[in-house]
Amino acid sequence: MDWLYVLMPIAGVKIFWPGLIILGIGVGIIGGFFGMGGAWMVTPGLNILGFPMAFAIGTDIAHMAGKSLISTMRHGKFGNVDYKLGLIMLVGTVVGFEVGAQMVMWLERIGSVEKTVRILYLVLLAFITWMVFNDVAKKKRKDREARAAGREVDPLSTGVEWHKTFQKIKIPPMIHLNVAQIYCSAWLPIMVSFLTGWLAGILGIGGGLIRMPSLIYILGCPTHVAVGTDLFEVAISGLYGAATYTFKGRTELVAAVIMLVGASIGAQVGTVATKYIKGYGIRIAFGVAVIGCSLSIILKLLPSYVSVSKQLCDNISTVLVLGVVTALSVYIFVRMLQGAKAEVAAKKAVLARQTA
């Protein structure tokens, strides 16, 4: 079965190339749908497939930059991108990213990058999983209470409303963000972008894993605007990050190109799907994906602490990551087709009434 493996000339490792294609197409769909580069799946996925962690980080950032740019253009046509917000956040993102990247180089020199990055991933994923499902639970409780009191359920209500507290911060300069419909201190998006940029530089992500929830829960962006604006930010930070890691010799361009071909196709599907799946549908699917990614990382870490077969854990992790990517991609694709079919039927019904 040697033909299923290809040598990566820069990293010096042989990689299961069908896995790269599955990751590319699947994460293209998922990234375009959730509004992020998908590196929160790809970086652990590349590591599980055999890339050293530093190369997994650099390679994914390179592939992510091009894919996110394609998705951003599609979201821009739907009016989902707040370019003013994205440009303001660029300042903090670039500074934070470089700080994180320098920390990765330091961790690599002392031989601690693999374990440190995986553990940090787990902590971050656990927090985001709790935040998303806590939000969903509170939203459902509010809806039940409204129905019990005989009130109409507000489709725009949210469970977690941290943004209302953060928007009370009035440190000048204050800014109006028309697309996101937000009035807040400019320092709020700058500080959020610095934190997400720093974590992006350490974890090898475009920041979307944390920026998209931050835009929703801290700034108060509507979900679809958070998706589009985050992709705009991911594209810019990804281009900067790709240059940084390539200069440091930690980017495997062969793998990046293989994934980008599939991702550029998948991103079109994921972006169009946001037209038909809104709000909490996106958030719940996002939470499920995070859980699957967390389990794969736990399996990868398990042999370091428990006497179990490393090969078995690695194989299960690979199947789990690729399985989650495939399952979510199919779900998003099917929901997109259902939404498009319903839209066409509705237009035909309107046309029939007009001609009757």
Protein backbone atom coordinates (compact mmCIF):
# COMPACT_ATOMS: atom_id res chain seq x y z
CA MET A 1 0.00 0.00 0.00
CA ASP A 2 3.01 2.29 -0.45
CA TRP A 3 1.25 4.10 -3.30
CA LEU A 4 -1.13 5.62 -0.73
CA TYR A 5 1.75 7.50 0.88
CA VAL A 6 3.72 10.45 -0.50
CA LEU A 7 7.01 11.86 0.78
CA MET A 8 6.89 15.45 2.00
CA PRO A 9 10.28 16.87 0.90
CA ILE A 10 10.60 19.66 3.49
CA ALA A 11 9.24 17.83 6.56
CA GLY A 12 10.93 14.55 5.50
CA VAL A 13 7.93 12.33 6.40
CA LYS A 14 5.61 10.07 4.35
CA ILE A 15 1.95 11.07 4.54
CA PHE A 16 -1.31 9.23 3.71
CA TRP A 17 -2.32 11.48 0.77
CA PRO A 18 -6.05 10.50 0.62
CA GLY A 19 -6.25 11.90 4.15
CA LEU A 20 -4.97 15.24 2.87
CA ILE A 21 -7.68 15.33 0.19
CA ILE A 22 -10.44 14.46 2.66
CA LEU A 23 -9.20 17.14 5.03
CA GLY A 24 -9.00 19.69 2.21
CA ILE A 25 -12.51 19.20 0.80
CA GLY A 26 -14.18 18.62 4.16
CA VAL A 27 -12.57 21.52 5.96
CA GLY A 28 -13.27 23.74 2.93
CA ILE A 29 -16.98 23.04 3.43
CA ILE A 30 -16.81 23.33 7.21
CA GLY A 31 -14.61 26.44 7.14
CA GLY A 32 -16.87 28.27 4.70
CA PHE A 33 -19.89 27.33 6.82
CA PHE A 34 -18.54 28.20 10.28
CA GLY A 35 -16.58 31.26 9.17
CA MET A 36 -13.11 30.04 9.99
CA GLY A 37 -10.13 28.47 8.29
CA GLY A 38 -10.83 25.08 9.88
CA ALA A 39 -7.33 24.79 11.31
CA TRP A 40 -8.77 23.73 14.66
CA MET A 41 -9.37 20.43 12.84
CA VAL A 42 -6.58 20.48 10.28
CA THR A 43 -3.60 21.17 12.56
CA PRO A 44 -4.39 18.20 14.86
CA GLY A 45 -5.38 16.24 11.74
CA LEU A 46 -2.03 16.84 10.02
CA ASN A 47 -0.22 15.96 13.24
CA ILE A 48 -2.21 12.73 13.51
CA LEU A 49 -1.43 11.90 9.85
CA GLY A 50 2.29 12.16 10.64
CA PHE A 51 3.49 15.79 10.44
CA PRO A 52 5.61 17.13 13.32
CA MET A 53 3.52 19.74 15.16
CA ALA A 54 5.52 22.79 13.98
CA PHE A 55 5.13 21.65 10.34
CA ALA A 56 1.42 20.89 10.90
CA ILE A 57 0.95 24.46 12.13
CA GLY A 58 2.84 26.13 9.28
CA THR A 59 1.37 23.93 6.52
CA ASP A 60 -2.19 24.46 7.64
CA ILE A 61 -1.81 28.22 7.86
CA ALA A 62 -0.52 28.28 4.26
CA HIS A 63 -3.48 26.27 2.92
CA MET A 64 -5.94 28.18 5.08
CA ALA A 65 -5.01 31.62 3.74
CA GLY A 66 -6.03 30.89 0.14
CA LYS A 67 -9.21 29.04 1.09
CA SER A 68 -10.41 31.78 3.43
CA LEU A 69 -9.88 34.41 0.74
CA ILE A 70 -12.21 32.49 -1.58
CA SER A 71 -14.87 32.14 1.13
CA THR A 72 -14.61 35.83 2.03
CA MET A 73 -15.44 36.88 -1.53
CA ARG A 74 -18.53 34.67 -1.49
CA HIS A 75 -19.70 36.00 1.89
CA GLY A 76 -19.09 39.57 0.69
CA LYS A 77 -21.66 39.01 -2.09
CA PHE A 78 -24.23 38.00 0.58
CA GLY A 79 -23.50 41.14 2.66
CA ASN A 80 -22.13 39.10 5.57
CA VAL A 81 -18.76 40.91 5.93
CA ASP A 82 -18.20 43.97 8.14
CA TYR A 83 -14.98 45.19 6.51
CA LYS A 84 -14.59 48.10 8.94
CA LEU A 85 -14.61 45.73 11.91
CA GLY A 86 -12.21 43.37 10.14
CA LEU A 87 -9.69 46.12 9.40
CA ILE A 88 -9.80 47.42 12.99
CA MET A 89 -9.13 43.91 14.32
CA LEU A 90 -6.22 43.47 11.93
CA VAL A 91 -3.92 45.52 14.19
CA GLY A 92 -4.28 43.27 17.22
CA THR A 93 -4.29 40.09 15.10
CA VAL A 94 -0.90 40.71 13.45
CA VAL A 95 0.83 41.69 16.71
CA GLY A 96 -0.67 38.79 18.64
CA PHE A 97 0.13 36.31 15.86
CA GLU A 98 3.81 37.18 15.82
CA VAL A 99 4.03 36.85 19.62
CA GLY A 100 2.43 33.38 19.40
CA ALA A 101 4.67 32.24 16.53
CA GLN A 102 7.81 33.23 18.45
CA MET A 103 6.54 31.19 21.43
CA VAL A 104 6.16 28.11 19.18
CA MET A 105 9.78 28.46 17.99
CA TRP A 106 10.90 28.69 21.64
CA LEU A 107 8.83 25.62 22.64
CA GLU A 108 10.32 23.70 19.70
CA ARG A 109 13.85 24.55 20.84
CA ILE A 110 13.20 23.18 24.34
CA GLY A 111 11.38 20.09 22.96
CA SER A 112 7.95 20.84 24.46
CA VAL A 113 5.92 22.00 21.47
CA GLU A 114 3.95 18.75 20.85
CA LYS A 115 2.53 18.22 24.34
CA THR A 116 2.08 21.92 25.14
CA VAL A 117 0.12 22.69 21.97
CA ARG A 118 -2.12 19.63 22.37
CA ILE A 119 -2.94 20.41 26.00
CA LEU A 120 -3.64 24.05 25.18
CA TYR A 121 -5.92 22.86 22.37
CA LEU A 122 -7.84 20.66 24.81
CA VAL A 123 -8.32 23.46 27.35
CA LEU A 124 -9.51 25.83 24.63
CA LEU A 125 -11.84 23.29 23.01
CA ALA A 126 -13.34 22.34 26.38
CA PHE A 127 -14.11 25.99 27.17
CA ILE A 128 -15.64 26.64 23.75
CA THR A 129 -17.76 23.47 23.95
CA TRP A 130 -19.13 24.56 27.34
CA MET A 131 -19.80 28.08 26.07
CA VAL A 132 -21.68 26.97 22.95
CA PHE A 133 -23.92 24.39 24.63
CA ASN A 134 -24.50 26.62 27.68
CA ASP A 135 -25.70 29.28 25.24
CA VAL A 136 -28.02 26.79 23.49
CA ALA A 137 -29.43 25.54 26.84
CA LYS A 138 -30.15 29.10 28.06
CA LYS A 139 -31.78 29.99 24.73
CA LYS A 140 -34.10 26.96 24.95
CA ARG A 141 -34.96 27.79 28.58
CA LYS A 142 -35.90 31.36 27.60
CA ASP A 143 -38.09 30.06 24.79
CA ARG A 144 -39.86 27.61 27.13
CA GLU A 145 -40.48 30.34 29.70
CA ALA A 146 -41.90 32.63 27.00
CA ARG A 147 -44.28 29.94 25.75
CA ALA A 148 -45.34 29.07 29.32
CA ALA A 149 -46.16 32.74 29.98
CA GLY A 150 -48.15 32.95 26.74
CA ARG A 151 -45.68 35.30 25.09
CA GLU A 152 -44.42 35.03 21.52
CA VAL A 153 -40.95 33.49 21.23
CA ASP A 154 -38.39 36.04 20.09
CA PRO A 155 -36.42 34.45 17.18
CA LEU A 156 -33.57 36.93 17.79
CA SER A 157 -33.16 36.21 21.50
CA THR A 158 -29.89 34.68 22.71
CA GLY A 159 -28.86 32.56 25.66
CA VAL A 160 -25.46 34.01 26.59
CA GLU A 161 -25.48 37.83 26.51
CA TRP A 162 -21.96 38.76 27.61
CA HIS A 163 -21.80 41.29 24.79
CA LYS A 164 -24.26 43.57 26.62
CA THR A 165 -21.76 43.91 29.47
CA PHE A 166 -18.75 44.47 27.20
CA GLN A 167 -20.60 47.04 25.11
CA LYS A 168 -21.02 49.17 28.25
CA ILE A 169 -17.26 49.86 28.20
CA LYS A 170 -17.00 53.44 26.91
CA ILE A 171 -13.25 53.97 26.49
CA PRO A 172 -12.68 56.38 23.53
CA PRO A 173 -12.64 56.24 20.62
CA MET A 174 -16.18 54.90 20.16
CA ILE A 175 -17.10 53.40 16.77
CA HIS A 176 -20.24 52.53 14.81
CA LEU A 177 -20.13 49.19 12.96
CA ASN A 178 -23.02 49.47 10.53
CA VAL A 179 -23.05 45.93 9.07
CA ALA A 180 -22.77 44.29 12.51
CA GLN A 181 -25.12 46.94 14.00
CA ILE A 182 -22.81 47.56 16.97
CA TYR A 183 -21.72 50.71 18.82
CA CYS A 184 -18.71 50.07 21.06
CA SER A 185 -15.22 51.14 22.10
CA ALA A 186 -12.60 50.51 19.38
CA TRP A 187 -10.42 48.92 22.06
CA LEU A 188 -12.89 46.04 22.46
CA PRO A 189 -12.33 44.48 18.97
CA ILE A 190 -8.60 45.32 19.16
CA MET A 191 -8.13 43.42 22.44
CA VAL A 192 -10.24 40.50 21.19
CA SER A 193 -8.14 40.32 18.02
CA PHE A 194 -4.84 40.44 19.96
CA LEU A 195 -5.90 37.49 22.13
CA THR A 196 -7.16 35.48 19.16
CA GLY A 197 -4.05 36.35 17.14
CA TRP A 198 -1.78 35.20 19.98
CA LEU A 199 -3.60 31.87 20.28
CA ALA A 200 -3.61 31.57 16.48
CA GLY A 201 0.16 31.91 16.36
CA ILE A 202 0.61 29.21 19.02
CA LEU A 203 -1.98 26.74 17.79
CA GLY A 204 -1.52 27.24 14.05
CA ILE A 205 -5.04 28.45 13.43
CA GLY A 206 -6.35 31.51 11.65
CA GLY A 207 -8.01 32.49 14.92
CA GLY A 208 -11.50 31.57 13.70
CA LEU A 209 -11.98 28.90 16.36
CA ILE A 210 -11.98 31.62 19.00
CA ARG A 211 -12.67 34.75 16.95
CA MET A 212 -16.03 33.62 15.58
CA PRO A 213 -17.44 32.87 19.10
CA SER A 214 -15.79 36.08 20.38
CA LEU A 215 -17.52 38.17 17.71
CA ILE A 216 -20.85 36.65 18.75
CA TYR A 217 -20.54 36.50 22.54
CA ILE A 218 -18.23 39.45 23.33
CA LEU A 219 -18.95 41.97 20.54
CA GLY A 220 -22.57 40.93 19.85
CA CYS A 221 -22.35 40.31 16.09
CA PRO A 222 -25.22 38.46 14.38
CA THR A 223 -24.05 34.92 13.66
CA HIS A 224 -23.97 35.24 9.85
CA VAL A 225 -22.03 38.54 10.06
CA ALA A 226 -19.59 36.97 12.53
CA VAL A 227 -19.02 34.14 10.03
CA GLY A 228 -18.28 36.44 7.08
CA THR A 229 -16.21 38.98 9.01
CA ASP A 230 -14.16 36.27 10.66
CA LEU A 231 -13.30 34.73 7.29
CA PHE A 232 -12.09 38.15 6.11
CA GLU A 233 -9.86 38.35 9.17
CA VAL A 234 -8.67 34.75 8.75
CA ALA A 235 -7.66 35.43 5.15
CA ILE A 236 -5.51 38.42 6.14
CA SER A 237 -3.94 36.85 9.23
CA GLY A 238 -3.45 33.59 7.30
CA LEU A 239 -1.45 35.32 4.56
CA TYR A 240 0.75 36.95 7.19
CA GLY A 241 1.11 33.69 9.12
CA ALA A 242 1.97 31.71 5.98
CA ALA A 243 4.79 34.14 5.21
CA THR A 244 6.05 33.96 8.81
CA TYR A 245 6.13 30.15 9.02
CA THR A 246 7.53 29.75 5.49
CA PHE A 247 10.39 32.10 6.41
CA LYS A 248 11.01 29.92 9.48
CA GLY A 249 11.13 26.79 7.26
CA ARG A 250 8.06 25.13 8.80
CA THR A 251 5.69 25.05 5.81
CA GLU A 252 5.23 21.92 3.66
CA LEU A 253 4.02 23.45 0.39
CA VAL A 254 3.23 20.10 -1.32
CA ALA A 255 0.66 19.22 1.34
CA ALA A 256 -0.72 22.77 1.38
CA VAL A 257 -1.35 22.71 -2.39
CA ILE A 258 -3.02 19.26 -2.24
CA MET A 259 -5.42 20.46 0.47
CA LEU A 260 -6.04 23.85 -1.14
CA VAL A 261 -7.34 22.28 -4.37
CA GLY A 262 -10.04 20.41 -2.45
CA ALA A 263 -10.65 23.27 -0.01
CA SER A 264 -11.31 25.83 -2.75
CA ILE A 265 -14.19 23.64 -3.98
CA GLY A 266 -15.55 22.83 -0.52
CA ALA A 267 -15.47 26.48 0.58
CA GLN A 268 -18.03 27.38 -2.10
CA VAL A 269 -20.47 24.80 -0.71
CA GLY A 270 -19.98 25.84 2.91
CA THR A 271 -20.45 29.52 2.18
CA VAL A 272 -23.70 29.03 0.24
CA ALA A 273 -25.00 26.77 3.05
CA THR A 274 -25.02 29.72 5.51
CA LYS A 275 -27.80 31.19 3.39
CA TYR A 276 -30.08 28.34 4.47
CA ILE A 277 -28.82 27.39 7.94
CA LYS A 278 -28.92 30.33 10.34
CA GLY A 279 -28.15 31.24 13.97
CA TYR A 280 -28.35 28.36 16.41
CA GLY A 281 -28.21 25.72 13.67
CA ILE A 282 -24.67 26.91 12.97
CA ARG A 283 -23.76 27.08 16.68
CA ILE A 284 -24.96 23.54 17.52
CA ALA A 285 -23.12 22.00 14.56
CA PHE A 286 -20.02 23.94 15.60
CA GLY A 287 -20.22 22.52 19.14
CA VAL A 288 -20.47 18.94 17.85
CA ALA A 289 -17.42 19.46 15.66
CA VAL A 290 -15.39 20.79 18.60
CA ILE A 291 -16.26 17.71 20.69
CA GLY A 292 -15.08 15.38 17.92
CA CYS A 293 -11.80 17.26 17.58
CA SER A 294 -11.26 17.17 21.37
CA LEU A 295 -11.70 13.40 21.50
CA SER A 296 -9.12 12.89 18.74
CA ILE A 297 -6.54 14.95 20.66
CA ILE A 298 -7.23 13.03 23.88
CA LEU A 299 -6.61 9.77 22.04
CA LYS A 300 -3.33 11.15 20.68
CA LEU A 301 -2.20 12.10 24.22
CA LEU A 302 -3.43 8.91 25.93
CA PRO A 303 -0.31 6.70 25.37
CA SER A 304 1.80 9.30 27.23
CA TYR A 305 -0.17 8.74 30.44
CA VAL A 306 -1.74 5.25 30.16
CA SER A 307 -0.26 1.93 29.05
CA VAL A 308 -2.14 1.52 25.76
CA SER A 309 -1.08 0.90 22.17
CA LYS A 310 0.13 4.13 20.58
CA GLN A 311 -0.50 2.73 17.09
CA LEU A 312 -4.10 1.84 17.99
CA CYS A 313 -4.76 5.30 19.47
CA ASP A 314 -3.21 6.99 16.43
CA ASN A 315 -5.38 4.93 14.05
CA ILE A 316 -8.56 5.66 16.01
CA SER A 317 -7.65 9.37 16.13
CA THR A 318 -7.16 9.45 12.36
CA VAL A 319 -10.49 7.73 11.72
CA LEU A 320 -12.25 10.05 14.20
CA VAL A 321 -10.88 13.29 12.71
CA LEU A 322 -11.60 12.25 9.13
CA GLY A 323 -14.99 10.84 10.19
CA VAL A 324 -16.07 14.09 11.89
CA VAL A 325 -14.94 16.14 8.87
CA THR A 326 -16.81 13.83 6.48
CA ALA A 327 -20.01 13.64 8.57
CA LEU A 328 -20.24 17.41 9.04
CA SER A 329 -19.50 18.04 5.37
CA VAL A 330 -22.30 15.68 4.31
CA TYR A 331 -24.72 17.29 6.82
CA ILE A 332 -23.95 20.80 5.56
CA PHE A 333 -24.17 19.73 1.91
CA VAL A 334 -27.54 17.98 2.41
CA ARG A 335 -28.99 20.95 4.34
CA MET A 336 -27.82 23.27 1.56
CA LEU A 337 -29.59 21.16 -1.08
CA GLN A 338 -32.76 21.06 1.05
CA GLY A 339 -32.68 24.83 1.51
CA ALA A 340 -32.09 25.46 -2.17
CA LYS A 341 -34.93 23.10 -3.10
CA ALA A 342 -37.32 24.85 -0.70
CA GLU A 343 -36.27 28.26 -2.07
CA VAL A 344 -36.94 27.17 -5.66
CA ALA A 345 -40.34 25.73 -4.65
CA ALA A 346 -41.27 28.97 -2.89
CA LYS A 347 -40.34 31.05 -5.95
CA LYS A 348 -42.39 28.77 -8.19
CA ALA A 349 -45.38 29.12 -5.85
CA VAL A 350 -45.12 32.92 -5.91
CA LEU A 351 -44.83 32.92 -9.69
CA ALA A 352 -47.86 30.62 -9.97
CA ARG A 353 -49.96 32.99 -7.83
CA GLN A 354 -48.86 35.99 -9.89
CA THR A 355 -49.80 34.33 -13.17
CA ALA A 356 -53.10 32.89 -11.85
